[in-house]
Amino acid sequence: MTGKRTLPGEGAHAHQHDLRLFKGIEAWVFDLDNTLYPHEADLFSQIDDKISRYVQKLLDLSREEARAHQKELYHEHGTTLRGLMKRHEIDPDDYLRAVHDIDYSGLLPNPDLASAIEALPGKKFIFTNGDRPHAERTAAALGISDHFEDIFGIVEADLIPKPNRETYDMFLAKTGISSARAAMFEDLPKNLAVPHQLGMCTTLIVPKGTREVFRESWDLEGEPYPHVDFVTDDLTGFLKAVLGGLG
C-alpha cells in the first residue's frame, strides 16, 4: 500500500498510503482550530490577535514587541500560554478567558461535515491546545457537537500542549482508546509526529488550494514528513472518501 496516487472524492489525495489504512479504525481524533473548520474561516486569526494584545498589555510592550515576544514564546514552549506561565507566572484561567473571547458569528453550520463525522464507525474526540469552552462554542457553531464522545483541551492536559509526548499519553489514558486503532487529523505537521510513533493513522489538513503545493514540496525534498500518511484541503470530502472505502 505504498506509492502516491489519486484517491476517490474531492480533495482526497494520499501522501503515502491508500484509504485501506483506515480499515479497523475505532477512534477518530480531531484537532480543532484550522482543522474542523477551514483555515479560510479566519477564526484563529482572532485568537492570535487576542494573544498579541494580552502580551502587549501584560508586559507594557509596543504592538510589534508584543508580537515578536509572543512568537518567541510559542516556538520555545509550544504555546504562548506555557511560555507566559514559565517566564511571567500568569494566571492561565485569565489568559484562556481573554484570548478566546472572540466572535463566532462568521462560523456557519456544516451539515455535510456533521453527517460525515456521525457516520464514522467508533468514537470521536476533539483534542485541542485550546480550552474546552472554546471547543464547545466552535463545535456548536459548526453544528457538530452531538457527534463527539468528549473534548480533551489544554486544561485536561495539565496545560502541557501538543506536541509534547506526555500530552498524548494523558489523552490516551483518559479516553482509553488504542492508538493502533485510532486516526488523527491535524493542521500542524509537528503535532502528528507523536501520533505516528504511537501507531495512529495521520492526516494533515492544509489550507484550501495548497494540497498540491505540499505534495510537490514533499516530492522534491524526499518525504520530509514521513509521519504524515494523508494530506487534504477538504476534510469533509476526505471523510466521505474514507467512508466510501470502509463500505
C-alpha atoms as a PDB file:
ATOM      1  CA  MET A   1       0.000   0.000   0.000  1.00  0.00           C
ATOM      2  CA  THR A   2       2.653   2.479  -0.970  1.00  0.00           C
ATOM      3  CA  GLY A   3       3.128   4.953  -3.762  1.00  0.00           C
ATOM      4  CA  LYS A   4       1.337   8.210  -4.493  1.00  0.00           C
ATOM      5  CA  ARG A   5      -1.975   8.077  -6.328  1.00  0.00           C
ATOM      6  CA  THR A   6      -5.241   9.968  -6.571  1.00  0.00           C
ATOM      7  CA  LEU A   7      -7.962   8.815  -4.208  1.00  0.00           C
ATOM      8  CA  PRO A   8     -11.715   8.975  -4.792  1.00  0.00           C
ATOM      9  CA  GLY A   9     -13.551  12.025  -3.533  1.00  0.00           C
ATOM     10  CA  GLU A  10     -12.881  15.738  -3.875  1.00  0.00           C
ATOM     11  CA  GLY A  11      -9.807  16.898  -2.002  1.00  0.00           C
ATOM     12  CA  ALA A  12      -8.782  13.368  -1.046  1.00  0.00           C
ATOM     13  CA  HIS A  13      -5.195  12.742  -2.109  1.00  0.00           C
ATOM     14  CA  ALA A  14      -2.772  10.392  -0.397  1.00  0.00           C
ATOM     15  CA  HIS A  15       0.716  11.360   0.609  1.00  0.00           C
ATOM     16  CA  GLN A  16       1.943   7.811   1.036  1.00  0.00           C
ATOM     17  CA  HIS A  17      -0.875   5.314   1.612  1.00  0.00           C
ATOM     18  CA  ASP A  18      -4.287   4.417   0.238  1.00  0.00           C
ATOM     19  CA  LEU A  19      -7.577   4.543   2.087  1.00  0.00           C
ATOM     20  CA  ARG A  20      -7.432   0.939   3.226  1.00  0.00           C
ATOM     21  CA  LEU A  21      -5.254   2.217   6.059  1.00  0.00           C
ATOM     22  CA  PHE A  22      -8.451   3.401   7.756  1.00  0.00           C
ATOM     23  CA  LYS A  23      -9.962  -0.093   7.952  1.00  0.00           C
ATOM     24  CA  GLY A  24     -10.190  -1.157  11.587  1.00  0.00           C
ATOM     25  CA  ILE A  25     -10.088   2.392  12.970  1.00  0.00           C
ATOM     26  CA  GLU A  26     -12.222   2.630  16.101  1.00  0.00           C
ATOM     27  CA  ALA A  27     -11.362   6.142  17.346  1.00  0.00           C
ATOM     28  CA  TRP A  28     -11.282   9.343  15.305  1.00  0.00           C
ATOM     29  CA  VAL A  29      -9.340  12.225  16.859  1.00  0.00           C
ATOM     30  CA  PHE A  30      -9.688  15.776  15.529  1.00  0.00           C
ATOM     31  CA  ASP A  31      -7.732  18.890  16.302  1.00  0.00           C
ATOM     32  CA  LEU A  32      -9.983  21.953  16.455  1.00  0.00           C
ATOM     33  CA  ASP A  33      -8.648  25.221  15.048  1.00  0.00           C
ATOM     34  CA  ASN A  34      -7.986  25.214  11.293  1.00  0.00           C
ATOM     35  CA  THR A  35      -8.946  21.519  11.224  1.00  0.00           C
ATOM     36  CA  LEU A  36     -12.658  21.099  11.967  1.00  0.00           C
ATOM     37  CA  TYR A  37     -13.238  24.457  10.328  1.00  0.00           C
ATOM     38  CA  PRO A  38     -11.220  25.627   7.298  1.00  0.00           C
ATOM     39  CA  HIS A  39      -8.264  27.957   7.571  1.00  0.00           C
ATOM     40  CA  GLU A  40     -10.063  30.481   5.388  1.00  0.00           C
ATOM     41  CA  ALA A  41     -12.802  30.846   8.026  1.00  0.00           C
ATOM     42  CA  ASP A  42     -10.237  33.108   9.711  1.00  0.00           C
ATOM     43  CA  LEU A  43     -11.410  32.302  13.231  1.00  0.00           C
ATOM     44  CA  PHE A  44      -7.979  31.544  14.648  1.00  0.00           C
ATOM     45  CA  SER A  45      -6.667  34.915  13.481  1.00  0.00           C
ATOM     46  CA  GLN A  46      -8.940  36.484  16.094  1.00  0.00           C
ATOM     47  CA  ILE A  47      -7.371  34.333  18.803  1.00  0.00           C
ATOM     48  CA  ASP A  48      -3.899  35.154  17.538  1.00  0.00           C
ATOM     49  CA  ASP A  49      -4.713  38.863  17.726  1.00  0.00           C
ATOM     50  CA  LYS A  50      -6.126  38.483  21.243  1.00  0.00           C
ATOM     51  CA  ILE A  51      -2.926  36.741  22.342  1.00  0.00           C
ATOM     52  CA  SER A  52      -0.814  39.594  20.995  1.00  0.00           C
ATOM     53  CA  ARG A  53      -2.978  42.139  22.806  1.00  0.00           C
ATOM     54  CA  TYR A  54      -2.761  40.136  26.032  1.00  0.00           C
ATOM     55  CA  VAL A  55       1.051  40.060  25.863  1.00  0.00           C
ATOM     56  CA  GLN A  56       1.139  43.749  24.961  1.00  0.00           C
ATOM     57  CA  LYS A  57      -0.952  44.748  27.967  1.00  0.00           C
ATOM     58  CA  LEU A  58       0.690  42.322  30.399  1.00  0.00           C
ATOM     59  CA  LEU A  59       4.256  43.402  29.657  1.00  0.00           C
ATOM     60  CA  ASP A  60       3.586  47.003  28.577  1.00  0.00           C
ATOM     61  CA  LEU A  61       5.141  46.462  25.157  1.00  0.00           C
ATOM     62  CA  SER A  62       4.568  48.047  21.785  1.00  0.00           C
ATOM     63  CA  ARG A  63       2.410  46.128  19.329  1.00  0.00           C
ATOM     64  CA  GLU A  64       5.463  44.986  17.377  1.00  0.00           C
ATOM     65  CA  GLU A  65       7.407  43.987  20.505  1.00  0.00           C
ATOM     66  CA  ALA A  66       4.443  42.038  21.846  1.00  0.00           C
ATOM     67  CA  ARG A  67       4.046  40.185  18.570  1.00  0.00           C
ATOM     68  CA  ALA A  68       7.717  39.236  18.478  1.00  0.00           C
ATOM     69  CA  HIS A  69       7.672  38.086  22.114  1.00  0.00           C
ATOM     70  CA  GLN A  70       4.511  36.075  21.525  1.00  0.00           C
ATOM     71  CA  LYS A  71       6.079  34.169  18.637  1.00  0.00           C
ATOM     72  CA  GLU A  72       9.292  33.604  20.605  1.00  0.00           C
ATOM     73  CA  LEU A  73       7.314  32.063  23.471  1.00  0.00           C
ATOM     74  CA  TYR A  74       5.285  29.936  21.076  1.00  0.00           C
ATOM     75  CA  HIS A  75       8.314  28.478  19.320  1.00  0.00           C
ATOM     76  CA  GLU A  76      10.224  27.871  22.545  1.00  0.00           C
ATOM     77  CA  HIS A  77       7.413  26.421  24.667  1.00  0.00           C
ATOM     78  CA  GLY A  78       4.799  25.048  22.229  1.00  0.00           C
ATOM     79  CA  THR A  79       2.149  27.606  23.196  1.00  0.00           C
ATOM     80  CA  THR A  80       2.326  31.251  24.212  1.00  0.00           C
ATOM     81  CA  LEU A  81       0.410  30.301  27.360  1.00  0.00           C
ATOM     82  CA  ARG A  82       3.067  27.851  28.532  1.00  0.00           C
ATOM     83  CA  GLY A  83       5.795  30.399  27.854  1.00  0.00           C
ATOM     84  CA  LEU A  84       3.956  33.125  29.788  1.00  0.00           C
ATOM     85  CA  MET A  85       3.418  30.748  32.701  1.00  0.00           C
ATOM     86  CA  LYS A  86       7.090  29.812  32.820  1.00  0.00           C
ATOM     87  CA  ARG A  87       8.528  33.295  32.332  1.00  0.00           C
ATOM     88  CA  HIS A  88       5.892  35.572  33.827  1.00  0.00           C
ATOM     89  CA  GLU A  89       3.811  33.340  36.161  1.00  0.00           C
ATOM     90  CA  ILE A  90       0.444  34.401  34.747  1.00  0.00           C
ATOM     91  CA  ASP A  91      -2.973  33.046  35.726  1.00  0.00           C
ATOM     92  CA  PRO A  92      -3.819  30.519  32.960  1.00  0.00           C
ATOM     93  CA  ASP A  93      -7.575  30.808  33.528  1.00  0.00           C
ATOM     94  CA  ASP A  94      -7.450  34.567  32.983  1.00  0.00           C
ATOM     95  CA  TYR A  95      -5.402  34.070  29.817  1.00  0.00           C
ATOM     96  CA  LEU A  96      -7.710  31.406  28.372  1.00  0.00           C
ATOM     97  CA  ARG A  97     -10.808  33.542  29.006  1.00  0.00           C
ATOM     98  CA  ALA A  98      -9.214  36.580  27.395  1.00  0.00           C
ATOM     99  CA  VAL A  99      -7.812  35.018  24.227  1.00  0.00           C
ATOM    100  CA  HIS A 100     -10.953  33.002  23.456  1.00  0.00           C
ATOM    101  CA  ASP A 101     -13.287  35.981  23.790  1.00  0.00           C
ATOM    102  CA  ILE A 102     -13.936  36.091  20.048  1.00  0.00           C
ATOM    103  CA  ASP A 103     -16.786  36.430  17.561  1.00  0.00           C
ATOM    104  CA  TYR A 104     -18.083  33.060  16.320  1.00  0.00           C
ATOM    105  CA  SER A 105     -20.870  34.503  14.166  1.00  0.00           C
ATOM    106  CA  GLY A 106     -18.882  34.026  10.950  1.00  0.00           C
ATOM    107  CA  LEU A 107     -18.618  30.288  11.530  1.00  0.00           C
ATOM    108  CA  LEU A 108     -21.589  28.662   9.803  1.00  0.00           C
ATOM    109  CA  PRO A 109     -23.133  25.229  10.392  1.00  0.00           C
ATOM    110  CA  ASN A 110     -21.615  22.499   8.225  1.00  0.00           C
ATOM    111  CA  PRO A 111     -24.239  19.740   7.882  1.00  0.00           C
ATOM    112  CA  ASP A 112     -22.131  17.762   5.398  1.00  0.00           C
ATOM    113  CA  LEU A 113     -19.247  17.607   7.869  1.00  0.00           C
ATOM    114  CA  ALA A 114     -21.646  16.706  10.676  1.00  0.00           C
ATOM    115  CA  SER A 115     -23.077  13.825   8.643  1.00  0.00           C
ATOM    116  CA  ALA A 116     -19.614  12.538   7.739  1.00  0.00           C
ATOM    117  CA  ILE A 117     -18.398  12.615  11.340  1.00  0.00           C
ATOM    118  CA  GLU A 118     -21.580  10.952  12.575  1.00  0.00           C
ATOM    119  CA  ALA A 119     -21.149   8.132  10.042  1.00  0.00           C
ATOM    120  CA  LEU A 120     -17.595   7.277  11.123  1.00  0.00           C
ATOM    121  CA  PRO A 121     -17.571   3.944  12.972  1.00  0.00           C
ATOM    122  CA  GLY A 122     -16.482   4.152  16.599  1.00  0.00           C
ATOM    123  CA  LYS A 123     -15.806   7.047  18.948  1.00  0.00           C
ATOM    124  CA  LYS A 124     -14.864  10.605  18.009  1.00  0.00           C
ATOM    125  CA  PHE A 125     -12.894  13.123  20.062  1.00  0.00           C
ATOM    126  CA  ILE A 126     -11.732  16.738  19.849  1.00  0.00           C
ATOM    127  CA  PHE A 127      -8.110  17.082  21.011  1.00  0.00           C
ATOM    128  CA  THR A 128      -7.009  20.721  21.110  1.00  0.00           C
ATOM    129  CA  ASN A 129      -4.426  23.080  22.570  1.00  0.00           C
ATOM    130  CA  GLY A 130      -7.346  25.448  23.140  1.00  0.00           C
ATOM    131  CA  ASP A 131      -9.702  25.141  26.081  1.00  0.00           C
ATOM    132  CA  ARG A 132     -12.958  23.219  26.391  1.00  0.00           C
ATOM    133  CA  PRO A 133     -15.314  26.256  26.321  1.00  0.00           C
ATOM    134  CA  HIS A 134     -13.759  27.444  23.047  1.00  0.00           C
ATOM    135  CA  ALA A 135     -14.085  23.960  21.566  1.00  0.00           C
ATOM    136  CA  GLU A 136     -17.706  23.721  22.714  1.00  0.00           C
ATOM    137  CA  ARG A 137     -18.606  27.076  21.170  1.00  0.00           C
ATOM    138  CA  THR A 138     -16.838  26.214  17.917  1.00  0.00           C
ATOM    139  CA  ALA A 139     -18.465  22.788  17.643  1.00  0.00           C
ATOM    140  CA  ALA A 140     -21.873  24.309  18.397  1.00  0.00           C
ATOM    141  CA  ALA A 141     -21.418  26.912  15.653  1.00  0.00           C
ATOM    142  CA  LEU A 142     -20.490  24.157  13.183  1.00  0.00           C
ATOM    143  CA  GLY A 143     -23.425  22.004  14.284  1.00  0.00           C
ATOM    144  CA  ILE A 144     -21.237  19.013  15.167  1.00  0.00           C
ATOM    145  CA  SER A 145     -21.383  18.982  18.995  1.00  0.00           C
ATOM    146  CA  ASP A 146     -23.543  15.868  19.297  1.00  0.00           C
ATOM    147  CA  HIS A 147     -21.131  13.646  17.383  1.00  0.00           C
ATOM    148  CA  PHE A 148     -18.198  13.693  19.811  1.00  0.00           C
ATOM    149  CA  GLU A 149     -17.584  11.438  22.793  1.00  0.00           C
ATOM    150  CA  ASP A 150     -15.506  14.062  24.601  1.00  0.00           C
ATOM    151  CA  ILE A 151     -13.255  17.109  24.318  1.00  0.00           C
ATOM    152  CA  PHE A 152      -9.658  16.980  25.547  1.00  0.00           C
ATOM    153  CA  GLY A 153      -8.364  20.529  25.878  1.00  0.00           C
ATOM    154  CA  ILE A 154      -5.335  22.271  27.317  1.00  0.00           C
ATOM    155  CA  VAL A 155      -6.730  22.218  30.867  1.00  0.00           C
ATOM    156  CA  GLU A 156      -7.337  18.456  30.683  1.00  0.00           C
ATOM    157  CA  ALA A 157      -3.704  18.181  29.503  1.00  0.00           C
ATOM    158  CA  ASP A 158      -2.467  19.939  32.665  1.00  0.00           C
ATOM    159  CA  LEU A 159      -1.628  22.931  30.438  1.00  0.00           C
ATOM    160  CA  ILE A 160       1.037  20.903  28.603  1.00  0.00           C
ATOM    161  CA  PRO A 161       0.453  21.389  24.863  1.00  0.00           C
ATOM    162  CA  LYS A 162       0.853  19.187  21.844  1.00  0.00           C
ATOM    163  CA  PRO A 163       3.359  18.130  20.520  1.00  0.00           C
ATOM    164  CA  ASN A 164       4.708  17.015  23.946  1.00  0.00           C
ATOM    165  CA  ARG A 165       4.585  13.213  24.210  1.00  0.00           C
ATOM    166  CA  GLU A 166       3.110  13.299  27.731  1.00  0.00           C
ATOM    167  CA  THR A 167       0.081  15.191  26.407  1.00  0.00           C
ATOM    168  CA  TYR A 168      -0.774  12.356  24.022  1.00  0.00           C
ATOM    169  CA  ASP A 169      -0.175   9.825  26.803  1.00  0.00           C
ATOM    170  CA  MET A 170      -2.649  11.707  29.026  1.00  0.00           C
ATOM    171  CA  PHE A 171      -5.179  11.798  26.197  1.00  0.00           C
ATOM    172  CA  LEU A 172      -4.895   8.054  25.600  1.00  0.00           C
ATOM    173  CA  ALA A 173      -5.098   7.295  29.328  1.00  0.00           C
ATOM    174  CA  LYS A 174      -8.225   9.412  29.784  1.00  0.00           C
ATOM    175  CA  THR A 175     -10.061   8.146  26.710  1.00  0.00           C
ATOM    176  CA  GLY A 176      -8.917   4.538  26.956  1.00  0.00           C
ATOM    177  CA  ILE A 177      -8.571   4.228  23.185  1.00  0.00           C
ATOM    178  CA  SER A 178      -5.997   2.117  21.377  1.00  0.00           C
ATOM    179  CA  SER A 179      -3.538   4.264  19.428  1.00  0.00           C
ATOM    180  CA  ALA A 180      -3.096   1.403  16.937  1.00  0.00           C
ATOM    181  CA  ARG A 181      -6.805   1.680  16.095  1.00  0.00           C
ATOM    182  CA  ALA A 182      -7.002   5.480  16.026  1.00  0.00           C
ATOM    183  CA  ALA A 183      -6.782   8.136  13.338  1.00  0.00           C
ATOM    184  CA  MET A 184      -5.754  11.748  13.983  1.00  0.00           C
ATOM    185  CA  PHE A 185      -6.496  14.862  11.914  1.00  0.00           C
ATOM    186  CA  GLU A 186      -4.344  17.978  12.417  1.00  0.00           C
ATOM    187  CA  ASP A 187      -3.323  21.175  10.654  1.00  0.00           C
ATOM    188  CA  LEU A 188       0.224  21.244  12.108  1.00  0.00           C
ATOM    189  CA  PRO A 189       2.682  18.589  10.874  1.00  0.00           C
ATOM    190  CA  LYS A 190       4.686  18.691  14.124  1.00  0.00           C
ATOM    191  CA  ASN A 191       1.597  17.614  16.080  1.00  0.00           C
ATOM    192  CA  LEU A 192       1.335  14.411  14.043  1.00  0.00           C
ATOM    193  CA  ALA A 193       4.842  13.099  14.782  1.00  0.00           C
ATOM    194  CA  VAL A 194       3.987  11.506  18.146  1.00  0.00           C
ATOM    195  CA  PRO A 195       0.645  10.070  16.932  1.00  0.00           C
ATOM    196  CA  HIS A 196       2.519   8.400  14.071  1.00  0.00           C
ATOM    197  CA  GLN A 197       5.052   6.957  16.518  1.00  0.00           C
ATOM    198  CA  LEU A 198       2.141   5.627  18.576  1.00  0.00           C
ATOM    199  CA  GLY A 199       0.709   3.846  15.555  1.00  0.00           C
ATOM    200  CA  MET A 200      -2.096   6.237  14.644  1.00  0.00           C
ATOM    201  CA  CYS A 201      -3.158   6.875  11.060  1.00  0.00           C
ATOM    202  CA  THR A 202      -2.335  10.560  10.471  1.00  0.00           C
ATOM    203  CA  THR A 203      -3.950  13.142   8.190  1.00  0.00           C
ATOM    204  CA  LEU A 204      -2.683  16.681   7.677  1.00  0.00           C
ATOM    205  CA  ILE A 205      -5.282  19.373   6.906  1.00  0.00           C
ATOM    206  CA  VAL A 206      -3.864  22.168   4.745  1.00  0.00           C
ATOM    207  CA  PRO A 207      -5.406  25.479   3.578  1.00  0.00           C
ATOM    208  CA  LYS A 208      -7.682  25.240   0.555  1.00  0.00           C
ATOM    209  CA  GLY A 209      -5.788  25.174  -2.714  1.00  0.00           C
ATOM    210  CA  THR A 210      -2.386  24.278  -1.210  1.00  0.00           C
ATOM    211  CA  ARG A 211      -2.597  20.472  -1.198  1.00  0.00           C
ATOM    212  CA  GLU A 212      -0.640  20.076  -4.433  1.00  0.00           C
ATOM    213  CA  VAL A 213       1.985  22.579  -3.269  1.00  0.00           C
ATOM    214  CA  PHE A 214       2.569  20.418  -0.204  1.00  0.00           C
ATOM    215  CA  ARG A 215       2.707  17.251  -2.295  1.00  0.00           C
ATOM    216  CA  GLU A 216       5.172  18.759  -4.747  1.00  0.00           C
ATOM    217  CA  SER A 217       7.441  20.017  -1.974  1.00  0.00           C
ATOM    218  CA  TRP A 218       7.482  16.509  -0.464  1.00  0.00           C
ATOM    219  CA  ASP A 219       8.394  15.016  -3.844  1.00  0.00           C
ATOM    220  CA  LEU A 220      11.254  17.478  -4.228  1.00  0.00           C
ATOM    221  CA  GLU A 221      12.553  17.191  -0.674  1.00  0.00           C
ATOM    222  CA  GLY A 222      12.330  13.427  -0.288  1.00  0.00           C
ATOM    223  CA  GLU A 223       9.470  12.963   2.172  1.00  0.00           C
ATOM    224  CA  PRO A 224      10.455  15.387   4.983  1.00  0.00           C
ATOM    225  CA  TYR A 225       7.222  14.451   6.801  1.00  0.00           C
ATOM    226  CA  PRO A 226       7.193  10.641   6.878  1.00  0.00           C
ATOM    227  CA  HIS A 227       4.866  10.832   9.892  1.00  0.00           C
ATOM    228  CA  VAL A 228       2.047  12.190   7.685  1.00  0.00           C
ATOM    229  CA  ASP A 229       0.019   9.474   5.968  1.00  0.00           C
ATOM    230  CA  PHE A 230      -2.551  11.637   4.160  1.00  0.00           C
ATOM    231  CA  VAL A 231      -2.948  15.265   3.105  1.00  0.00           C
ATOM    232  CA  THR A 232      -6.179  17.049   2.233  1.00  0.00           C
ATOM    233  CA  ASP A 233      -7.506  20.583   1.910  1.00  0.00           C
ATOM    234  CA  ASP A 234     -11.100  19.365   2.204  1.00  0.00           C
ATOM    235  CA  LEU A 235     -11.841  17.495   5.441  1.00  0.00           C
ATOM    236  CA  THR A 236     -15.481  16.818   4.565  1.00  0.00           C
ATOM    237  CA  GLY A 237     -14.648  15.442   1.129  1.00  0.00           C
ATOM    238  CA  PHE A 238     -11.837  13.359   2.563  1.00  0.00           C
ATOM    239  CA  LEU A 239     -14.046  11.831   5.276  1.00  0.00           C
ATOM    240  CA  LYS A 240     -16.644  10.967   2.637  1.00  0.00           C
ATOM    241  CA  ALA A 241     -13.948   9.202   0.629  1.00  0.00           C
ATOM    242  CA  VAL A 242     -12.814   7.338   3.734  1.00  0.00           C
ATOM    243  CA  LEU A 243     -16.387   6.237   4.429  1.00  0.00           C
ATOM    244  CA  GLY A 244     -16.716   5.062   0.849  1.00  0.00           C
ATOM    245  CA  GLY A 245     -13.579   2.986   1.280  1.00  0.00           C
ATOM    246  CA  LEU A 246     -14.852   1.483   4.511  1.00  0.00           C
ATOM    247  CA  GLY A 247     -18.114   0.439   2.914  1.00  0.00           C
END
